[in-house]
Amino acid sequence: METIAFISANLPVIGQRMLEHISLVSVSVGVAILTGVPLGILITQSRTWADRVLYVASVIITIPSIALFGILIPVLSLIGQGIGYLPAVIALILYAQLPIIRNTYTAIMNVDPALREAARGMGMTTLERLRRVELPLALPVIVNGVRSAVVLNIAIAAIATYIGAGGLGTFISRGISQTDIRQLLTGALFVSLLAIIADYALLGAQRLMTSPGLRLR
């Protein structure tokens, strides 16, 4: 009951922190899509480069978030942005790369070779084949990678409060430092709710982007 009363009394602040959290995640995932999807398509041309890129992305995602923030602080301090929004977004962009690149690469590589041959037989160029055949078939798997990246970044963004990036993690950090279970539960609850809502919204988008024939299969 105390937690519910705390939430009721602090709804404007919770709304502000949630908007900060959404901003961190949406900007970072948006940039990750713009970089990760083209990179995932590009590495389908070379198995060697695919292995290298996926290995680097896998290594990055294993770095603890606090350690990555710590690495970025002295680097970005050179331009006066050592703490706050920018290092948090950069770290989240790096964490979002693996699921997006991996799913894009896997989706393109798993397109039926017979469809590629049919597209070639119709006289399509490589770019036309990619745009009109491969990407529409790969899109549901790519969106699934985006779903994973969004849920992952919602969780990691909660830790970004320790470098002054704000977000819902503020309640968690204050709850820990002040031994206040109300703030701790509030932060954890709204981070979880945000992740669930985002996941279901992207699941709906994924289903809409799946062609009826593939959906039935």
C-alpha atoms as a PDB file:
ATOM      1  CA  MET A   1       0.000   0.000   0.000  1.00  0.00           C
ATOM      2  CA  GLU A   2       2.870   2.386   0.729  1.00  0.00           C
ATOM      3  CA  THR A   3       4.249   1.828  -2.768  1.00  0.00           C
ATOM      4  CA  ILE A   4       0.847   2.537  -4.340  1.00  0.00           C
ATOM      5  CA  ALA A   5       0.548   5.727  -2.301  1.00  0.00           C
ATOM      6  CA  PHE A   6       4.065   6.756  -3.380  1.00  0.00           C
ATOM      7  CA  ILE A   7       3.185   6.159  -7.044  1.00  0.00           C
ATOM      8  CA  SER A   8      -0.059   8.150  -6.733  1.00  0.00           C
ATOM      9  CA  ALA A   9       1.756  11.071  -5.128  1.00  0.00           C
ATOM     10  CA  ASN A  10       4.570  11.113  -7.700  1.00  0.00           C
ATOM     11  CA  LEU A  11       2.815  10.452 -11.012  1.00  0.00           C
ATOM     12  CA  PRO A  12       4.146  13.645 -12.718  1.00  0.00           C
ATOM     13  CA  VAL A  13       7.740  12.746 -11.779  1.00  0.00           C
ATOM     14  CA  ILE A  14       7.233   9.127 -12.872  1.00  0.00           C
ATOM     15  CA  GLY A  15       5.856  10.376 -16.196  1.00  0.00           C
ATOM     16  CA  GLN A  16       8.884  12.618 -16.695  1.00  0.00           C
ATOM     17  CA  ARG A  17      11.318   9.802 -15.875  1.00  0.00           C
ATOM     18  CA  MET A  18       9.468   7.460 -18.202  1.00  0.00           C
ATOM     19  CA  LEU A  19       9.757   9.961 -21.064  1.00  0.00           C
ATOM     20  CA  GLU A  20      13.498  10.217 -20.378  1.00  0.00           C
ATOM     21  CA  HIS A  21      13.717   6.420 -20.452  1.00  0.00           C
ATOM     22  CA  ILE A  22      11.754   6.179 -23.701  1.00  0.00           C
ATOM     23  CA  SER A  23      13.965   8.854 -25.259  1.00  0.00           C
ATOM     24  CA  LEU A  24      17.142   6.948 -24.380  1.00  0.00           C
ATOM     25  CA  VAL A  25      15.800   3.691 -25.803  1.00  0.00           C
ATOM     26  CA  SER A  26      14.096   5.058 -28.913  1.00  0.00           C
ATOM     27  CA  VAL A  27      17.077   7.158 -30.023  1.00  0.00           C
ATOM     28  CA  SER A  28      19.608   4.387 -29.397  1.00  0.00           C
ATOM     29  CA  VAL A  29      17.550   1.665 -31.094  1.00  0.00           C
ATOM     30  CA  GLY A  30      16.720   4.003 -33.988  1.00  0.00           C
ATOM     31  CA  VAL A  31      20.408   4.651 -34.640  1.00  0.00           C
ATOM     32  CA  ALA A  32      21.176   0.941 -34.144  1.00  0.00           C
ATOM     33  CA  ILE A  33      18.615   0.059 -36.835  1.00  0.00           C
ATOM     34  CA  LEU A  34      20.117   2.600 -39.263  1.00  0.00           C
ATOM     35  CA  THR A  35      23.583   1.098 -38.737  1.00  0.00           C
ATOM     36  CA  GLY A  36      22.868  -2.544 -37.889  1.00  0.00           C
ATOM     37  CA  VAL A  37      20.464  -3.452 -40.704  1.00  0.00           C
ATOM     38  CA  PRO A  38      22.746  -2.219 -43.542  1.00  0.00           C
ATOM     39  CA  LEU A  39      25.721  -3.891 -41.844  1.00  0.00           C
ATOM     40  CA  GLY A  40      23.785  -7.150 -41.492  1.00  0.00           C
ATOM     41  CA  ILE A  41      22.913  -7.024 -45.202  1.00  0.00           C
ATOM     42  CA  LEU A  42      26.477  -6.158 -46.175  1.00  0.00           C
ATOM     43  CA  ILE A  43      28.101  -9.069 -44.343  1.00  0.00           C
ATOM     44  CA  THR A  44      25.909 -11.577 -46.198  1.00  0.00           C
ATOM     45  CA  GLN A  45      28.399 -11.132 -49.038  1.00  0.00           C
ATOM     46  CA  SER A  46      31.329 -12.538 -47.043  1.00  0.00           C
ATOM     47  CA  ARG A  47      31.288 -15.324 -44.453  1.00  0.00           C
ATOM     48  CA  THR A  48      34.667 -14.178 -43.121  1.00  0.00           C
ATOM     49  CA  TRP A  49      33.461 -10.641 -42.471  1.00  0.00           C
ATOM     50  CA  ALA A  50      30.205 -11.969 -41.059  1.00  0.00           C
ATOM     51  CA  ASP A  51      32.099 -14.019 -38.480  1.00  0.00           C
ATOM     52  CA  ARG A  52      34.287 -11.044 -37.553  1.00  0.00           C
ATOM     53  CA  VAL A  53      31.454  -8.533 -37.217  1.00  0.00           C
ATOM     54  CA  LEU A  54      29.250 -10.902 -35.219  1.00  0.00           C
ATOM     55  CA  TYR A  55      32.180 -11.787 -32.975  1.00  0.00           C
ATOM     56  CA  VAL A  56      32.896  -8.110 -32.196  1.00  0.00           C
ATOM     57  CA  ALA A  57      29.201  -7.434 -31.540  1.00  0.00           C
ATOM     58  CA  SER A  58      29.072 -10.497 -29.264  1.00  0.00           C
ATOM     59  CA  VAL A  59      32.083  -9.270 -27.295  1.00  0.00           C
ATOM     60  CA  ILE A  60      30.543  -5.805 -26.854  1.00  0.00           C
ATOM     61  CA  ILE A  61      27.306  -7.191 -25.450  1.00  0.00           C
ATOM     62  CA  THR A  62      29.240  -9.169 -22.803  1.00  0.00           C
ATOM     63  CA  ILE A  63      30.854  -6.007 -21.387  1.00  0.00           C
ATOM     64  CA  PRO A  64      29.086  -5.023 -18.125  1.00  0.00           C
ATOM     65  CA  SER A  65      27.143  -1.808 -18.640  1.00  0.00           C
ATOM     66  CA  ILE A  66      28.831  -0.011 -15.741  1.00  0.00           C
ATOM     67  CA  ALA A  67      32.235  -0.863 -17.237  1.00  0.00           C
ATOM     68  CA  LEU A  68      31.207   0.412 -20.681  1.00  0.00           C
ATOM     69  CA  PHE A  69      29.895   3.636 -19.172  1.00  0.00           C
ATOM     70  CA  GLY A  70      33.213   3.932 -17.343  1.00  0.00           C
ATOM     71  CA  ILE A  71      35.124   3.537 -20.609  1.00  0.00           C
ATOM     72  CA  LEU A  72      33.032   6.180 -22.370  1.00  0.00           C
ATOM     73  CA  ILE A  73      33.285   8.788 -19.601  1.00  0.00           C
ATOM     74  CA  PRO A  74      36.980   9.754 -20.100  1.00  0.00           C
ATOM     75  CA  VAL A  75      36.673   9.531 -23.891  1.00  0.00           C
ATOM     76  CA  LEU A  76      33.645  11.806 -24.121  1.00  0.00           C
ATOM     77  CA  SER A  77      35.018  14.104 -21.419  1.00  0.00           C
ATOM     78  CA  LEU A  78      37.360  15.407 -24.125  1.00  0.00           C
ATOM     79  CA  ILE A  79      34.328  17.093 -25.702  1.00  0.00           C
ATOM     80  CA  GLY A  80      32.644  17.959 -22.414  1.00  0.00           C
ATOM     81  CA  GLN A  81      30.093  15.122 -22.582  1.00  0.00           C
ATOM     82  CA  GLY A  82      31.560  12.642 -20.106  1.00  0.00           C
ATOM     83  CA  ILE A  83      28.318  12.056 -18.230  1.00  0.00           C
ATOM     84  CA  GLY A  84      24.649  12.397 -19.067  1.00  0.00           C
ATOM     85  CA  TYR A  85      22.598  11.611 -22.138  1.00  0.00           C
ATOM     86  CA  LEU A  86      25.278  11.130 -24.823  1.00  0.00           C
ATOM     87  CA  PRO A  87      27.404   8.375 -23.240  1.00  0.00           C
ATOM     88  CA  ALA A  88      24.236   6.521 -22.259  1.00  0.00           C
ATOM     89  CA  VAL A  89      22.896   6.614 -25.825  1.00  0.00           C
ATOM     90  CA  ILE A  90      26.235   5.531 -27.314  1.00  0.00           C
ATOM     91  CA  ALA A  91      26.454   2.579 -24.921  1.00  0.00           C
ATOM     92  CA  LEU A  92      22.872   1.546 -25.717  1.00  0.00           C
ATOM     93  CA  ILE A  93      23.570   1.785 -29.462  1.00  0.00           C
ATOM     94  CA  LEU A  94      26.491  -0.616 -29.028  1.00  0.00           C
ATOM     95  CA  TYR A  95      24.402  -3.062 -26.984  1.00  0.00           C
ATOM     96  CA  ALA A  96      21.604  -3.028 -29.583  1.00  0.00           C
ATOM     97  CA  GLN A  97      23.895  -3.961 -32.471  1.00  0.00           C
ATOM     98  CA  LEU A  98      24.157  -7.718 -31.952  1.00  0.00           C
ATOM     99  CA  PRO A  99      20.454  -8.724 -32.075  1.00  0.00           C
ATOM    100  CA  ILE A 100      19.787  -6.428 -35.040  1.00  0.00           C
ATOM    101  CA  ILE A 101      22.865  -7.407 -37.077  1.00  0.00           C
ATOM    102  CA  ARG A 102      22.508 -11.115 -36.285  1.00  0.00           C
ATOM    103  CA  ASN A 103      18.811 -11.271 -37.141  1.00  0.00           C
ATOM    104  CA  THR A 104      19.280  -9.286 -40.346  1.00  0.00           C
ATOM    105  CA  TYR A 105      22.144 -11.521 -41.451  1.00  0.00           C
ATOM    106  CA  THR A 106      20.287 -14.725 -40.544  1.00  0.00           C
ATOM    107  CA  ALA A 107      17.060 -13.599 -42.221  1.00  0.00           C
ATOM    108  CA  ILE A 108      18.749 -12.671 -45.507  1.00  0.00           C
ATOM    109  CA  MET A 109      20.834 -15.840 -45.567  1.00  0.00           C
ATOM    110  CA  ASN A 110      17.746 -18.015 -44.964  1.00  0.00           C
ATOM    111  CA  VAL A 111      15.795 -16.696 -47.949  1.00  0.00           C
ATOM    112  CA  ASP A 112      14.958 -19.632 -50.219  1.00  0.00           C
ATOM    113  CA  PRO A 113      17.638 -19.847 -52.961  1.00  0.00           C
ATOM    114  CA  ALA A 114      14.895 -20.782 -55.438  1.00  0.00           C
ATOM    115  CA  LEU A 115      13.317 -17.365 -54.921  1.00  0.00           C
ATOM    116  CA  ARG A 116      16.637 -15.686 -55.635  1.00  0.00           C
ATOM    117  CA  GLU A 117      17.018 -17.683 -58.835  1.00  0.00           C
ATOM    118  CA  ALA A 118      13.468 -16.807 -59.865  1.00  0.00           C
ATOM    119  CA  ALA A 119      14.226 -13.115 -59.289  1.00  0.00           C
ATOM    120  CA  ARG A 120      17.395 -13.391 -61.373  1.00  0.00           C
ATOM    121  CA  GLY A 121      15.402 -15.120 -64.109  1.00  0.00           C
ATOM    122  CA  MET A 122      13.020 -12.165 -64.149  1.00  0.00           C
ATOM    123  CA  GLY A 123      15.980  -9.869 -64.799  1.00  0.00           C
ATOM    124  CA  MET A 124      16.190  -8.211 -61.371  1.00  0.00           C
ATOM    125  CA  THR A 125      19.439  -6.590 -60.339  1.00  0.00           C
ATOM    126  CA  THR A 126      21.014  -7.363 -56.954  1.00  0.00           C
ATOM    127  CA  LEU A 127      19.495  -4.241 -55.381  1.00  0.00           C
ATOM    128  CA  GLU A 128      16.071  -4.934 -56.895  1.00  0.00           C
ATOM    129  CA  ARG A 129      16.208  -8.501 -55.632  1.00  0.00           C
ATOM    130  CA  LEU A 130      17.135  -7.250 -52.168  1.00  0.00           C
ATOM    131  CA  ARG A 131      14.404  -4.617 -52.090  1.00  0.00           C
ATOM    132  CA  ARG A 132      11.565  -6.575 -53.673  1.00  0.00           C
ATOM    133  CA  VAL A 133      12.244 -10.169 -52.608  1.00  0.00           C
ATOM    134  CA  GLU A 134      14.760 -10.633 -49.802  1.00  0.00           C
ATOM    135  CA  LEU A 135      13.916  -7.742 -47.456  1.00  0.00           C
ATOM    136  CA  PRO A 136      10.120  -8.321 -47.467  1.00  0.00           C
ATOM    137  CA  LEU A 137      10.717 -11.976 -46.551  1.00  0.00           C
ATOM    138  CA  ALA A 138      13.374 -11.096 -43.970  1.00  0.00           C
ATOM    139  CA  LEU A 139      11.445  -8.232 -42.355  1.00  0.00           C
ATOM    140  CA  PRO A 140       9.636 -10.264 -39.629  1.00  0.00           C
ATOM    141  CA  VAL A 141      12.933 -11.743 -38.418  1.00  0.00           C
ATOM    142  CA  ILE A 142      14.594  -8.320 -38.489  1.00  0.00           C
ATOM    143  CA  VAL A 143      11.745  -6.846 -36.422  1.00  0.00           C
ATOM    144  CA  ASN A 144      12.185  -9.711 -33.972  1.00  0.00           C
ATOM    145  CA  GLY A 145      15.808  -8.604 -33.564  1.00  0.00           C
ATOM    146  CA  VAL A 146      14.613  -5.054 -32.937  1.00  0.00           C
ATOM    147  CA  ARG A 147      12.236  -6.412 -30.273  1.00  0.00           C
ATOM    148  CA  SER A 148      15.158  -8.070 -28.504  1.00  0.00           C
ATOM    149  CA  ALA A 149      17.234  -4.889 -28.744  1.00  0.00           C
ATOM    150  CA  VAL A 150      14.424  -2.728 -27.332  1.00  0.00           C
ATOM    151  CA  VAL A 151      13.756  -4.980 -24.335  1.00  0.00           C
ATOM    152  CA  LEU A 152      17.501  -5.279 -23.660  1.00  0.00           C
ATOM    153  CA  ASN A 153      17.997  -1.509 -23.834  1.00  0.00           C
ATOM    154  CA  ILE A 154      15.028  -0.779 -21.582  1.00  0.00           C
ATOM    155  CA  ALA A 155      16.718  -2.873 -18.899  1.00  0.00           C
ATOM    156  CA  ILE A 156      20.215  -1.442 -19.437  1.00  0.00           C
ATOM    157  CA  ALA A 157      18.931   2.160 -19.592  1.00  0.00           C
ATOM    158  CA  ALA A 158      17.903   1.781 -15.946  1.00  0.00           C
ATOM    159  CA  ILE A 159      21.601   1.614 -15.049  1.00  0.00           C
ATOM    160  CA  ALA A 160      22.366   4.774 -17.061  1.00  0.00           C
ATOM    161  CA  THR A 161      21.035   6.837 -14.181  1.00  0.00           C
ATOM    162  CA  TYR A 162      24.396   6.308 -12.473  1.00  0.00           C
ATOM    163  CA  ILE A 163      26.037   8.528 -15.108  1.00  0.00           C
ATOM    164  CA  GLY A 164      23.357  11.207 -14.892  1.00  0.00           C
ATOM    165  CA  ALA A 165      21.187  10.099 -17.839  1.00  0.00           C
ATOM    166  CA  GLY A 166      17.949  10.092 -15.834  1.00  0.00           C
ATOM    167  CA  GLY A 167      15.178   7.637 -16.653  1.00  0.00           C
ATOM    168  CA  LEU A 168      13.266   5.237 -14.453  1.00  0.00           C
ATOM    169  CA  GLY A 169      16.507   3.906 -12.991  1.00  0.00           C
ATOM    170  CA  THR A 170      16.576   7.063 -10.856  1.00  0.00           C
ATOM    171  CA  PHE A 171      13.965   5.515  -8.565  1.00  0.00           C
ATOM    172  CA  ILE A 172      15.966   2.300  -8.314  1.00  0.00           C
ATOM    173  CA  SER A 173      19.240   4.045  -7.474  1.00  0.00           C
ATOM    174  CA  ARG A 174      17.578   6.296  -4.907  1.00  0.00           C
ATOM    175  CA  GLY A 175      15.716   3.347  -3.448  1.00  0.00           C
ATOM    176  CA  ILE A 176      19.007   1.536  -2.930  1.00  0.00           C
ATOM    177  CA  SER A 177      20.931   4.529  -1.564  1.00  0.00           C
ATOM    178  CA  GLN A 178      18.101   5.644   0.738  1.00  0.00           C
ATOM    179  CA  THR A 179      16.944   2.118   1.636  1.00  0.00           C
ATOM    180  CA  ASP A 180      13.503   3.110   0.399  1.00  0.00           C
ATOM    181  CA  ILE A 181      11.605   0.054  -0.830  1.00  0.00           C
ATOM    182  CA  ARG A 182       8.849   2.265  -2.282  1.00  0.00           C
ATOM    183  CA  GLN A 183      11.158   3.932  -4.794  1.00  0.00           C
ATOM    184  CA  LEU A 184      12.907   0.655  -5.564  1.00  0.00           C
ATOM    185  CA  LEU A 185       9.637  -1.131  -6.345  1.00  0.00           C
ATOM    186  CA  THR A 186       8.340   1.852  -8.324  1.00  0.00           C
ATOM    187  CA  GLY A 187      11.388   1.884 -10.591  1.00  0.00           C
ATOM    188  CA  ALA A 188      11.405  -1.883 -11.074  1.00  0.00           C
ATOM    189  CA  LEU A 189       7.645  -1.974 -11.738  1.00  0.00           C
ATOM    190  CA  PHE A 190       7.631   0.729 -14.396  1.00  0.00           C
ATOM    191  CA  VAL A 191      10.759  -0.573 -16.135  1.00  0.00           C
ATOM    192  CA  SER A 192       9.072  -3.974 -16.355  1.00  0.00           C
ATOM    193  CA  LEU A 193       5.794  -2.495 -17.591  1.00  0.00           C
ATOM    194  CA  LEU A 194       7.604  -0.457 -20.235  1.00  0.00           C
ATOM    195  CA  ALA A 195       9.468  -3.550 -21.458  1.00  0.00           C
ATOM    196  CA  ILE A 196       6.250  -5.616 -21.627  1.00  0.00           C
ATOM    197  CA  ILE A 197       4.327  -2.900 -23.499  1.00  0.00           C
ATOM    198  CA  ALA A 198       7.164  -2.362 -25.983  1.00  0.00           C
ATOM    199  CA  ASP A 199       7.551  -6.097 -26.547  1.00  0.00           C
ATOM    200  CA  TYR A 200       3.852  -6.640 -27.270  1.00  0.00           C
ATOM    201  CA  ALA A 201       3.667  -3.553 -29.494  1.00  0.00           C
ATOM    202  CA  LEU A 202       6.589  -4.763 -31.597  1.00  0.00           C
ATOM    203  CA  LEU A 203       5.140  -8.281 -31.652  1.00  0.00           C
ATOM    204  CA  GLY A 204       1.999  -6.802 -33.189  1.00  0.00           C
ATOM    205  CA  ALA A 205       4.109  -4.874 -35.711  1.00  0.00           C
ATOM    206  CA  GLN A 206       6.003  -8.059 -36.544  1.00  0.00           C
ATOM    207  CA  ARG A 207       2.751  -9.913 -37.267  1.00  0.00           C
ATOM    208  CA  LEU A 208       1.491  -7.077 -39.453  1.00  0.00           C
ATOM    209  CA  MET A 209       4.721  -7.109 -41.459  1.00  0.00           C
ATOM    210  CA  THR A 210       4.532 -10.853 -42.022  1.00  0.00           C
ATOM    211  CA  SER A 211       2.836 -11.759 -45.292  1.00  0.00           C
ATOM    212  CA  PRO A 212      -0.390 -13.791 -44.884  1.00  0.00           C
ATOM    213  CA  GLY A 213       1.187 -16.836 -46.544  1.00  0.00           C
ATOM    214  CA  LEU A 214       4.143 -16.904 -44.165  1.00  0.00           C
ATOM    215  CA  ARG A 215       1.837 -16.216 -41.211  1.00  0.00           C
ATOM    216  CA  LEU A 216      -0.202 -19.316 -41.999  1.00  0.00           C
ATOM    217  CA  ARG A 217       2.947 -21.389 -42.305  1.00  0.00           C
END
